[in-house]
Amino acid sequence: QVQLVESGGGLVQPGGSLRLSCAASGSIFRSYHMGWYRQAPGNKRELVAAIFSGGSTNYADSVKGRFTISRDNAKNTVYLQMNSLKPEDTAVYYCRANHVVATTIVYWGQGTQVPVSS
């Protein structure tokens, strides 16, 4: 069992920056690929960025060059650094963990709101 707790969301102006954190507990962090997803009102949940257990990363085209995902295995935490934020980045951001081997084992955090508005 893995518990995920996101933090760092909040109102930010266009062009601003924000760093989201997702703290994991309850299992071996290295055994999980980690990802950030987002869901805007009326839209489907979409992948923003992923970081695999070995450290490789993947980004949605819409955030490439602006967002950076990283993980600190010693702190059981994954981060999403968001720069040059746009109003279209407004969404609830969710952290996700899926097991490296048993790929059907997936956990989600409760989400954190990121409104981008002046």
Protein backbone atom coordinates (compact mmCIF):
# COMPACT_ATOMS: atom_id res chain seq x y z
CA GLN A 1 0.00 0.00 0.00
CA VAL A 2 1.24 3.49 -0.90
CA GLN A 3 -0.10 6.77 0.39
CA LEU A 4 0.54 9.87 -1.73
CA VAL A 5 0.16 13.41 -0.42
CA GLU A 6 0.53 16.35 -2.79
CA SER A 7 1.37 19.88 -1.71
CA GLY A 8 2.49 23.17 -3.20
CA GLY A 9 -0.56 24.13 -5.21
CA GLY A 10 -2.14 27.56 -5.14
CA LEU A 11 -3.02 30.63 -7.14
CA VAL A 12 -0.24 31.87 -9.42
CA GLN A 13 -0.12 34.61 -12.04
CA PRO A 14 0.58 33.88 -15.69
CA GLY A 15 4.32 33.67 -16.23
CA GLY A 16 4.89 32.63 -12.65
CA SER A 17 6.39 29.49 -11.15
CA LEU A 18 5.28 26.86 -8.70
CA ARG A 19 6.76 23.65 -7.35
CA LEU A 20 4.52 20.74 -6.49
CA SER A 21 5.62 17.98 -4.15
CA CYS A 22 4.26 14.49 -3.68
CA ALA A 23 5.35 12.61 -0.61
CA ALA A 24 4.96 8.83 -0.67
CA SER A 25 4.79 6.52 2.28
CA GLY A 26 4.04 2.91 2.98
CA SER A 27 6.18 1.05 0.49
CA ILE A 28 9.52 1.02 -1.30
CA PHE A 29 9.58 4.22 -3.32
CA ARG A 30 12.16 2.93 -5.80
CA SER A 31 9.74 0.19 -6.82
CA TYR A 32 7.42 2.72 -8.42
CA HIS A 33 7.35 4.81 -11.53
CA MET A 34 5.93 8.22 -10.61
CA GLY A 35 3.87 10.67 -12.59
CA TRP A 36 2.00 13.94 -12.45
CA TYR A 37 -1.40 14.19 -14.11
CA ARG A 38 -3.84 17.05 -14.32
CA GLN A 39 -7.52 17.50 -14.88
CA ALA A 40 -9.14 20.76 -15.88
CA PRO A 41 -12.90 21.28 -15.48
CA GLY A 42 -14.76 19.40 -18.19
CA ASN A 43 -11.62 17.66 -19.42
CA LYS A 44 -10.19 14.20 -19.05
CA ARG A 45 -7.27 13.59 -16.73
CA GLU A 46 -4.06 13.81 -18.74
CA LEU A 47 -0.43 12.94 -18.22
CA VAL A 48 1.79 15.94 -17.56
CA ALA A 49 5.12 14.29 -16.77
CA ALA A 50 6.49 10.94 -15.68
CA ILE A 51 9.71 9.81 -14.11
CA PHE A 52 10.61 6.16 -14.15
CA SER A 53 12.32 4.25 -11.41
CA GLY A 54 15.64 4.52 -13.25
CA GLY A 55 15.29 8.29 -13.59
CA SER A 56 14.30 8.72 -17.22
CA THR A 57 11.53 11.22 -17.87
CA ASN A 58 8.67 11.86 -20.25
CA TYR A 59 6.64 15.03 -20.79
CA ALA A 60 3.46 16.10 -22.48
CA ASP A 61 4.20 18.29 -25.48
CA SER A 62 2.28 21.16 -23.90
CA VAL A 63 4.70 21.43 -20.97
CA LYS A 64 8.05 20.54 -22.55
CA GLY A 65 10.64 23.17 -21.78
CA ARG A 66 8.53 24.68 -18.98
CA PHE A 67 8.00 21.85 -16.47
CA THR A 68 10.57 19.58 -14.86
CA ILE A 69 9.84 16.40 -12.96
CA SER A 70 12.33 14.99 -10.48
CA ARG A 71 12.44 12.50 -7.66
CA ASP A 72 14.38 12.16 -4.43
CA ASN A 73 14.37 8.50 -3.49
CA ALA A 74 15.95 9.26 -0.11
CA LYS A 75 12.98 11.48 0.75
CA ASN A 76 10.34 9.35 -1.02
CA THR A 77 9.24 12.46 -2.85
CA VAL A 78 8.57 13.45 -6.43
CA TYR A 79 8.51 17.07 -7.56
CA LEU A 80 7.07 19.03 -10.44
CA GLN A 81 8.74 22.37 -11.08
CA MET A 82 6.42 24.49 -13.20
CA ASN A 83 7.75 27.63 -14.87
CA SER A 84 6.22 30.12 -17.32
CA LEU A 85 2.76 29.08 -16.25
CA LYS A 86 -0.15 29.78 -18.55
CA PRO A 87 -3.88 30.07 -17.84
CA GLU A 88 -4.36 26.81 -19.74
CA ASP A 89 -2.24 25.07 -17.08
CA THR A 90 -5.08 25.65 -14.63
CA ALA A 91 -6.17 22.26 -13.28
CA VAL A 92 -6.14 19.94 -10.34
CA TYR A 93 -2.77 18.18 -10.35
CA TYR A 94 -2.56 14.58 -9.20
CA CYS A 95 0.39 12.43 -8.28
CA ARG A 96 0.38 8.81 -9.39
CA ALA A 97 2.52 5.82 -8.52
CA ASN A 98 2.55 2.57 -10.42
CA HIS A 99 4.56 -0.47 -9.52
CA VAL A 100 7.49 -1.26 -11.76
CA VAL A 101 6.78 -5.00 -11.97
CA ALA A 102 3.13 -5.43 -10.98
CA THR A 103 1.92 -2.76 -13.37
CA THR A 104 -1.73 -3.03 -12.38
CA ILE A 105 -0.88 -1.69 -8.93
CA VAL A 106 -1.59 2.03 -9.16
CA TYR A 107 -2.07 4.66 -6.48
CA TRP A 108 -3.28 8.25 -6.74
CA GLY A 109 -2.98 11.25 -4.49
CA GLN A 110 -5.90 13.45 -3.55
CA GLY A 111 -4.91 16.26 -5.90
CA THR A 112 -3.84 19.87 -5.47
CA GLN A 113 -5.39 22.85 -7.22
CA VAL A 114 -3.33 25.13 -9.44
CA PRO A 115 -5.28 28.14 -10.72
CA VAL A 116 -3.27 30.33 -13.09
CA SER A 117 -4.88 33.73 -13.28
CA SER A 118 -4.13 37.42 -13.00
